[in-house]
Amino acid sequence: MTDTSRGRERVGEGVLARRVAHAIRTPLGVVSVALARLKESARDDAETQMLELGGRAVRQLGRLADRLGLLARLEREPDMTRSQCDLAVIVRDAAGDIAQTRSRRRVQVGLEGVASEHVTLEGDPALLRAAVAELIDNGVRMAERRVDVALARRDANLVVTVANDGPPVPEGASLEPDGSGLGIGLAIVETIVRRHQGRLEWKSMATPDGTTTEFSLCVPATVAI
């Protein structure tokens, strides 16, 4: 395949993702309003619970649309905005984002060594936040009770590690816990990490308390305080 045909393929993928995201958002808005109206006139707890279930499904589809939109942006914009950003703040903000969207999972997210850290690097803060949020979200969906997020310096890299206490992931299996095999979230993470000259690593291991699946986002450290 020539460089030109590769470029056309990448553009096509980006356009398709953007169009699908738009196509999802339009009916979702209508369904969301309808569910809200129906919830106001729910006659009993059973109806309220069913409407809440529908609302969660709407939010999940909205999240899918957001991810497709981000994927389209990554395909459409090969360059990123670079600035000095604090990776510790990005990790804390991303954890807060997922805590709000996944509150019903009742999974505890611990921020080991992140609460008071200040670690700066050169990168795109919005993209890094999206990448970290995807890893934490992935961990929460896979976890049974707990996700631990750590930030450390390893050689010349800054490493964000997201570990969960869910069942182990067999080698070669889909890393999407919903079994869809779409891999959208991790595709986004890998693309963002590559743009920061980093890499995404994962491993599944036995621990005294069961099993741990660990994802590590490694990016070069430019300035660390």
C-alpha atoms as a PDB file:
ATOM      1  CA  MET A   1       0.000   0.000   0.000  1.00  0.00           C
ATOM      2  CA  THR A   2       1.387   3.417  -0.963  1.00  0.00           C
ATOM      3  CA  ASP A   3       1.674   6.368   1.419  1.00  0.00           C
ATOM      4  CA  THR A   4      -1.103   8.114  -0.519  1.00  0.00           C
ATOM      5  CA  SER A   5      -3.516   5.192  -0.181  1.00  0.00           C
ATOM      6  CA  ARG A   6      -2.678   4.880   3.503  1.00  0.00           C
ATOM      7  CA  GLY A   7      -3.512   8.570   3.911  1.00  0.00           C
ATOM      8  CA  ARG A   8      -6.851   8.109   2.135  1.00  0.00           C
ATOM      9  CA  GLU A   9      -7.620   5.114   4.374  1.00  0.00           C
ATOM     10  CA  ARG A  10      -6.895   7.099   7.545  1.00  0.00           C
ATOM     11  CA  VAL A  11      -9.053  10.012   6.379  1.00  0.00           C
ATOM     12  CA  GLY A  12     -11.867   7.603   5.516  1.00  0.00           C
ATOM     13  CA  GLU A  13     -11.748   6.029   8.969  1.00  0.00           C
ATOM     14  CA  GLY A  14     -11.862   9.456  10.614  1.00  0.00           C
ATOM     15  CA  VAL A  15     -14.820  10.600   8.517  1.00  0.00           C
ATOM     16  CA  LEU A  16     -16.726   7.394   9.248  1.00  0.00           C
ATOM     17  CA  ALA A  17     -16.142   7.664  13.010  1.00  0.00           C
ATOM     18  CA  ARG A  18     -17.289  11.297  13.006  1.00  0.00           C
ATOM     19  CA  ARG A  19     -20.440  10.494  11.022  1.00  0.00           C
ATOM     20  CA  VAL A  20     -21.318   7.540  13.251  1.00  0.00           C
ATOM     21  CA  ALA A  21     -20.813   9.702  16.362  1.00  0.00           C
ATOM     22  CA  HIS A  22     -23.161  12.346  14.938  1.00  0.00           C
ATOM     23  CA  ALA A  23     -25.721   9.716  13.930  1.00  0.00           C
ATOM     24  CA  ILE A  24     -25.739   8.318  17.481  1.00  0.00           C
ATOM     25  CA  ARG A  25     -26.022  11.679  19.250  1.00  0.00           C
ATOM     26  CA  THR A  26     -29.082  12.896  17.316  1.00  0.00           C
ATOM     27  CA  PRO A  27     -31.568  10.162  18.367  1.00  0.00           C
ATOM     28  CA  LEU A  28     -29.953   9.928  21.811  1.00  0.00           C
ATOM     29  CA  GLY A  29     -30.990  13.503  22.522  1.00  0.00           C
ATOM     30  CA  VAL A  30     -34.601  12.657  21.710  1.00  0.00           C
ATOM     31  CA  VAL A  31     -34.568   9.463  23.804  1.00  0.00           C
ATOM     32  CA  SER A  32     -32.961  11.274  26.739  1.00  0.00           C
ATOM     33  CA  VAL A  33     -35.685  13.943  26.798  1.00  0.00           C
ATOM     34  CA  ALA A  34     -38.425  11.306  26.472  1.00  0.00           C
ATOM     35  CA  LEU A  35     -37.019   9.283  29.380  1.00  0.00           C
ATOM     36  CA  ALA A  36     -36.833  12.400  31.564  1.00  0.00           C
ATOM     37  CA  ARG A  37     -40.467  13.236  30.829  1.00  0.00           C
ATOM     38  CA  LEU A  38     -41.598   9.677  31.523  1.00  0.00           C
ATOM     39  CA  LYS A  39     -39.661   9.590  34.787  1.00  0.00           C
ATOM     40  CA  GLU A  40     -41.607  12.620  36.028  1.00  0.00           C
ATOM     41  CA  SER A  41     -44.852  10.674  35.696  1.00  0.00           C
ATOM     42  CA  ALA A  42     -43.608   7.221  36.787  1.00  0.00           C
ATOM     43  CA  ARG A  43     -46.330   5.417  38.741  1.00  0.00           C
ATOM     44  CA  ASP A  44     -44.216   3.163  40.951  1.00  0.00           C
ATOM     45  CA  ASP A  45     -40.645   2.145  41.840  1.00  0.00           C
ATOM     46  CA  ALA A  46     -40.580  -0.548  39.160  1.00  0.00           C
ATOM     47  CA  GLU A  47     -41.233   1.985  36.404  1.00  0.00           C
ATOM     48  CA  THR A  48     -38.676   4.375  37.903  1.00  0.00           C
ATOM     49  CA  GLN A  49     -36.024   1.632  37.966  1.00  0.00           C
ATOM     50  CA  MET A  50     -36.720   0.688  34.354  1.00  0.00           C
ATOM     51  CA  LEU A  51     -36.445   4.333  33.291  1.00  0.00           C
ATOM     52  CA  GLU A  52     -33.171   4.681  35.216  1.00  0.00           C
ATOM     53  CA  LEU A  53     -31.901   1.587  33.413  1.00  0.00           C
ATOM     54  CA  GLY A  54     -32.807   3.217  30.114  1.00  0.00           C
ATOM     55  CA  GLY A  55     -31.043   6.401  31.213  1.00  0.00           C
ATOM     56  CA  ARG A  56     -27.841   4.477  31.956  1.00  0.00           C
ATOM     57  CA  ALA A  57     -27.996   2.895  28.507  1.00  0.00           C
ATOM     58  CA  VAL A  58     -28.380   6.354  26.963  1.00  0.00           C
ATOM     59  CA  ARG A  59     -25.318   7.596  28.875  1.00  0.00           C
ATOM     60  CA  GLN A  60     -23.322   4.569  27.730  1.00  0.00           C
ATOM     61  CA  LEU A  61     -24.221   5.257  24.109  1.00  0.00           C
ATOM     62  CA  GLY A  62     -23.346   8.917  24.630  1.00  0.00           C
ATOM     63  CA  ARG A  63     -19.940   7.838  25.925  1.00  0.00           C
ATOM     64  CA  LEU A  64     -19.498   5.684  22.834  1.00  0.00           C
ATOM     65  CA  ALA A  65     -20.328   8.695  20.637  1.00  0.00           C
ATOM     66  CA  ASP A  66     -17.799  10.812  22.539  1.00  0.00           C
ATOM     67  CA  ARG A  67     -15.105   8.177  22.047  1.00  0.00           C
ATOM     68  CA  LEU A  68     -15.856   7.899  18.335  1.00  0.00           C
ATOM     69  CA  GLY A  69     -15.699  11.691  18.073  1.00  0.00           C
ATOM     70  CA  LEU A  70     -12.304  11.731  19.788  1.00  0.00           C
ATOM     71  CA  LEU A  71     -11.086   8.931  17.551  1.00  0.00           C
ATOM     72  CA  ALA A  72     -12.181  10.966  14.514  1.00  0.00           C
ATOM     73  CA  ARG A  73     -10.344  14.009  15.854  1.00  0.00           C
ATOM     74  CA  LEU A  74      -7.167  11.972  16.311  1.00  0.00           C
ATOM     75  CA  GLU A  75      -7.443  10.727  12.740  1.00  0.00           C
ATOM     76  CA  ARG A  76      -8.211  14.212  11.400  1.00  0.00           C
ATOM     77  CA  GLU A  77      -5.582  16.161  13.379  1.00  0.00           C
ATOM     78  CA  PRO A  78      -2.142  14.512  13.254  1.00  0.00           C
ATOM     79  CA  ASP A  79      -0.597  17.347  15.280  1.00  0.00           C
ATOM     80  CA  MET A  80      -1.392  18.089  18.903  1.00  0.00           C
ATOM     81  CA  THR A  81      -1.259  21.126  21.138  1.00  0.00           C
ATOM     82  CA  ARG A  82       1.866  21.029  23.288  1.00  0.00           C
ATOM     83  CA  SER A  83       2.280  22.816  26.590  1.00  0.00           C
ATOM     84  CA  GLN A  84       3.714  22.242  30.027  1.00  0.00           C
ATOM     85  CA  CYS A  85       1.117  20.263  31.980  1.00  0.00           C
ATOM     86  CA  ASP A  86       0.970  18.594  35.382  1.00  0.00           C
ATOM     87  CA  LEU A  87       0.431  14.849  34.940  1.00  0.00           C
ATOM     88  CA  ALA A  88      -0.605  14.425  38.582  1.00  0.00           C
ATOM     89  CA  VAL A  89      -3.414  16.956  38.155  1.00  0.00           C
ATOM     90  CA  ILE A  90      -4.448  15.238  34.922  1.00  0.00           C
ATOM     91  CA  VAL A  91      -4.640  11.865  36.725  1.00  0.00           C
ATOM     92  CA  ARG A  92      -6.701  13.299  39.582  1.00  0.00           C
ATOM     93  CA  ASP A  93      -9.098  15.052  37.183  1.00  0.00           C
ATOM     94  CA  ALA A  94      -9.499  11.917  35.055  1.00  0.00           C
ATOM     95  CA  ALA A  95     -10.242   9.842  38.152  1.00  0.00           C
ATOM     96  CA  GLY A  96     -12.885  12.394  39.150  1.00  0.00           C
ATOM     97  CA  ASP A  97     -14.480  12.178  35.698  1.00  0.00           C
ATOM     98  CA  ILE A  98     -14.840   8.401  35.924  1.00  0.00           C
ATOM     99  CA  ALA A  99     -16.008   8.503  39.541  1.00  0.00           C
ATOM    100  CA  GLN A 100     -19.002  10.554  38.364  1.00  0.00           C
ATOM    101  CA  THR A 101     -19.865   8.455  35.315  1.00  0.00           C
ATOM    102  CA  ARG A 102     -19.336   5.063  36.996  1.00  0.00           C
ATOM    103  CA  SER A 103     -20.698   5.805  40.471  1.00  0.00           C
ATOM    104  CA  ARG A 104     -23.166   2.911  40.352  1.00  0.00           C
ATOM    105  CA  ARG A 105     -20.371   0.365  39.903  1.00  0.00           C
ATOM    106  CA  ARG A 106     -19.394   0.959  43.562  1.00  0.00           C
ATOM    107  CA  VAL A 107     -15.727   0.354  42.780  1.00  0.00           C
ATOM    108  CA  GLN A 108     -13.247   2.218  44.948  1.00  0.00           C
ATOM    109  CA  VAL A 109     -10.572   4.132  43.016  1.00  0.00           C
ATOM    110  CA  GLY A 110      -7.385   4.712  45.010  1.00  0.00           C
ATOM    111  CA  LEU A 111      -4.802   7.316  43.963  1.00  0.00           C
ATOM    112  CA  GLU A 112      -1.534   6.007  45.347  1.00  0.00           C
ATOM    113  CA  GLY A 113       1.090   8.734  45.583  1.00  0.00           C
ATOM    114  CA  VAL A 114      -0.923  11.026  43.317  1.00  0.00           C
ATOM    115  CA  ALA A 115      -2.798  13.182  45.820  1.00  0.00           C
ATOM    116  CA  SER A 116       0.030  15.645  46.549  1.00  0.00           C
ATOM    117  CA  GLU A 117       2.380  15.089  43.628  1.00  0.00           C
ATOM    118  CA  HIS A 118       3.263  17.716  41.022  1.00  0.00           C
ATOM    119  CA  VAL A 119       4.860  16.206  37.917  1.00  0.00           C
ATOM    120  CA  THR A 120       5.133  18.272  34.748  1.00  0.00           C
ATOM    121  CA  LEU A 121       5.819  17.266  31.173  1.00  0.00           C
ATOM    122  CA  GLU A 122       5.303  18.647  27.699  1.00  0.00           C
ATOM    123  CA  GLY A 123       2.179  17.374  26.024  1.00  0.00           C
ATOM    124  CA  ASP A 124      -1.482  17.881  25.214  1.00  0.00           C
ATOM    125  CA  PRO A 125      -3.339  17.994  28.553  1.00  0.00           C
ATOM    126  CA  ALA A 126      -6.770  17.306  27.038  1.00  0.00           C
ATOM    127  CA  LEU A 127      -5.552  14.229  25.172  1.00  0.00           C
ATOM    128  CA  LEU A 128      -3.592  12.923  28.169  1.00  0.00           C
ATOM    129  CA  ARG A 129      -6.654  13.346  30.381  1.00  0.00           C
ATOM    130  CA  ALA A 130      -8.738  11.416  27.846  1.00  0.00           C
ATOM    131  CA  ALA A 131      -6.152   8.606  27.741  1.00  0.00           C
ATOM    132  CA  VAL A 132      -5.905   8.300  31.524  1.00  0.00           C
ATOM    133  CA  ALA A 133      -9.700   8.424  31.862  1.00  0.00           C
ATOM    134  CA  GLU A 134     -10.014   5.569  29.356  1.00  0.00           C
ATOM    135  CA  LEU A 135      -7.582   3.430  31.367  1.00  0.00           C
ATOM    136  CA  ILE A 136      -9.354   4.149  34.656  1.00  0.00           C
ATOM    137  CA  ASP A 137     -12.759   3.516  33.066  1.00  0.00           C
ATOM    138  CA  ASN A 138     -11.467   0.242  31.645  1.00  0.00           C
ATOM    139  CA  GLY A 139     -10.165  -0.724  35.087  1.00  0.00           C
ATOM    140  CA  VAL A 140     -13.447   0.128  36.830  1.00  0.00           C
ATOM    141  CA  ARG A 141     -15.430  -1.999  34.385  1.00  0.00           C
ATOM    142  CA  MET A 142     -13.081  -4.954  34.873  1.00  0.00           C
ATOM    143  CA  ALA A 143     -12.748  -4.619  38.666  1.00  0.00           C
ATOM    144  CA  GLU A 144     -14.643  -6.438  41.362  1.00  0.00           C
ATOM    145  CA  ARG A 145     -14.092  -3.976  44.207  1.00  0.00           C
ATOM    146  CA  ARG A 146     -11.060  -1.777  43.681  1.00  0.00           C
ATOM    147  CA  VAL A 147      -8.893   0.075  41.163  1.00  0.00           C
ATOM    148  CA  ASP A 148      -5.512   1.489  42.175  1.00  0.00           C
ATOM    149  CA  VAL A 149      -3.998   4.336  40.164  1.00  0.00           C
ATOM    150  CA  ALA A 150      -0.336   5.155  40.702  1.00  0.00           C
ATOM    151  CA  LEU A 151       2.050   7.708  39.233  1.00  0.00           C
ATOM    152  CA  ALA A 152       5.778   7.069  39.337  1.00  0.00           C
ATOM    153  CA  ARG A 153       9.022   7.903  37.589  1.00  0.00           C
ATOM    154  CA  ARG A 154      10.743   4.964  35.896  1.00  0.00           C
ATOM    155  CA  ASP A 155      14.115   5.745  34.352  1.00  0.00           C
ATOM    156  CA  ALA A 156      13.429   8.609  31.907  1.00  0.00           C
ATOM    157  CA  ASN A 157       9.666   7.991  31.800  1.00  0.00           C
ATOM    158  CA  LEU A 158       6.610   9.022  33.790  1.00  0.00           C
ATOM    159  CA  VAL A 159       4.401   5.986  34.327  1.00  0.00           C
ATOM    160  CA  VAL A 160       0.687   5.968  35.100  1.00  0.00           C
ATOM    161  CA  THR A 161      -0.379   2.515  36.292  1.00  0.00           C
ATOM    162  CA  VAL A 162      -4.004   1.430  36.587  1.00  0.00           C
ATOM    163  CA  ALA A 163      -4.480  -1.920  38.362  1.00  0.00           C
ATOM    164  CA  ASN A 164      -7.782  -3.640  39.116  1.00  0.00           C
ATOM    165  CA  ASP A 165      -8.743  -6.685  41.170  1.00  0.00           C
ATOM    166  CA  GLY A 166     -10.908  -8.309  38.489  1.00  0.00           C
ATOM    167  CA  PRO A 167     -10.370 -11.704  36.861  1.00  0.00           C
ATOM    168  CA  PRO A 168      -7.188 -12.172  34.820  1.00  0.00           C
ATOM    169  CA  VAL A 169      -7.183 -11.437  31.104  1.00  0.00           C
ATOM    170  CA  PRO A 170      -5.861 -14.405  29.099  1.00  0.00           C
ATOM    171  CA  GLU A 171      -3.109 -13.650  26.608  1.00  0.00           C
ATOM    172  CA  GLY A 172      -4.584 -12.806  23.226  1.00  0.00           C
ATOM    173  CA  ALA A 173      -8.062 -12.088  24.612  1.00  0.00           C
ATOM    174  CA  SER A 174     -10.002  -8.903  23.910  1.00  0.00           C
ATOM    175  CA  LEU A 175      -9.113  -6.181  26.406  1.00  0.00           C
ATOM    176  CA  GLU A 176     -12.587  -4.695  26.157  1.00  0.00           C
ATOM    177  CA  PRO A 177     -14.413  -6.008  29.276  1.00  0.00           C
ATOM    178  CA  ASP A 178     -17.814  -5.766  27.600  1.00  0.00           C
ATOM    179  CA  GLY A 179     -16.698  -8.433  25.136  1.00  0.00           C
ATOM    180  CA  SER A 180     -17.505  -6.263  22.127  1.00  0.00           C
ATOM    181  CA  GLY A 181     -14.022  -6.575  20.713  1.00  0.00           C
ATOM    182  CA  LEU A 182     -14.302  -3.042  19.325  1.00  0.00           C
ATOM    183  CA  GLY A 183     -11.208  -1.916  21.200  1.00  0.00           C
ATOM    184  CA  ILE A 184     -12.168   1.749  20.773  1.00  0.00           C
ATOM    185  CA  GLY A 185     -10.982   2.857  24.200  1.00  0.00           C
ATOM    186  CA  LEU A 186      -7.590   1.220  24.036  1.00  0.00           C
ATOM    187  CA  ALA A 187      -7.154   2.317  20.397  1.00  0.00           C
ATOM    188  CA  ILE A 188      -7.630   5.904  21.604  1.00  0.00           C
ATOM    189  CA  VAL A 189      -5.130   5.407  24.423  1.00  0.00           C
ATOM    190  CA  GLU A 190      -2.510   3.860  22.149  1.00  0.00           C
ATOM    191  CA  THR A 191      -2.867   6.666  19.594  1.00  0.00           C
ATOM    192  CA  ILE A 192      -2.525   9.382  22.243  1.00  0.00           C
ATOM    193  CA  VAL A 193       0.430   7.668  23.898  1.00  0.00           C
ATOM    194  CA  ARG A 194       2.256   7.258  20.575  1.00  0.00           C
ATOM    195  CA  ARG A 195       1.846  10.983  19.901  1.00  0.00           C
ATOM    196  CA  HIS A 196       3.637  11.609  23.189  1.00  0.00           C
ATOM    197  CA  GLN A 197       6.441   9.236  22.134  1.00  0.00           C
ATOM    198  CA  GLY A 198       5.307   6.791  24.771  1.00  0.00           C
ATOM    199  CA  ARG A 199       3.899   3.284  24.923  1.00  0.00           C
ATOM    200  CA  LEU A 200       1.040   1.345  26.490  1.00  0.00           C
ATOM    201  CA  GLU A 201       1.822  -1.850  28.386  1.00  0.00           C
ATOM    202  CA  TRP A 202      -0.473  -4.343  30.101  1.00  0.00           C
ATOM    203  CA  LYS A 203      -0.116  -7.534  32.104  1.00  0.00           C
ATOM    204  CA  SER A 204      -2.321  -9.846  34.125  1.00  0.00           C
ATOM    205  CA  MET A 205      -0.876 -11.475  37.232  1.00  0.00           C
ATOM    206  CA  ALA A 206      -1.722 -13.439  40.353  1.00  0.00           C
ATOM    207  CA  THR A 207      -1.622 -11.615  43.700  1.00  0.00           C
ATOM    208  CA  PRO A 208      -2.164 -12.707  47.331  1.00  0.00           C
ATOM    209  CA  ASP A 209      -5.685 -11.246  47.125  1.00  0.00           C
ATOM    210  CA  GLY A 210      -6.610 -12.789  43.778  1.00  0.00           C
ATOM    211  CA  THR A 211      -5.622 -11.377  40.404  1.00  0.00           C
ATOM    212  CA  THR A 212      -4.597  -8.004  39.036  1.00  0.00           C
ATOM    213  CA  THR A 213      -4.765  -6.664  35.507  1.00  0.00           C
ATOM    214  CA  GLU A 214      -2.406  -3.733  35.160  1.00  0.00           C
ATOM    215  CA  PHE A 215      -2.174  -1.100  32.439  1.00  0.00           C
ATOM    216  CA  SER A 216       0.825   1.230  32.314  1.00  0.00           C
ATOM    217  CA  LEU A 217       0.989   4.459  30.326  1.00  0.00           C
ATOM    218  CA  CYS A 218       4.636   5.447  29.861  1.00  0.00           C
ATOM    219  CA  VAL A 219       5.541   8.886  28.509  1.00  0.00           C
ATOM    220  CA  PRO A 220       8.949  10.572  28.402  1.00  0.00           C
ATOM    221  CA  ALA A 221       9.554  12.976  31.260  1.00  0.00           C
ATOM    222  CA  THR A 222      10.734  16.417  30.141  1.00  0.00           C
ATOM    223  CA  VAL A 223      10.587  18.167  33.511  1.00  0.00           C
ATOM    224  CA  ALA A 224       9.734  16.479  36.802  1.00  0.00           C
ATOM    225  CA  ILE A 225       9.299  18.398  40.065  1.00  0.00           C
END
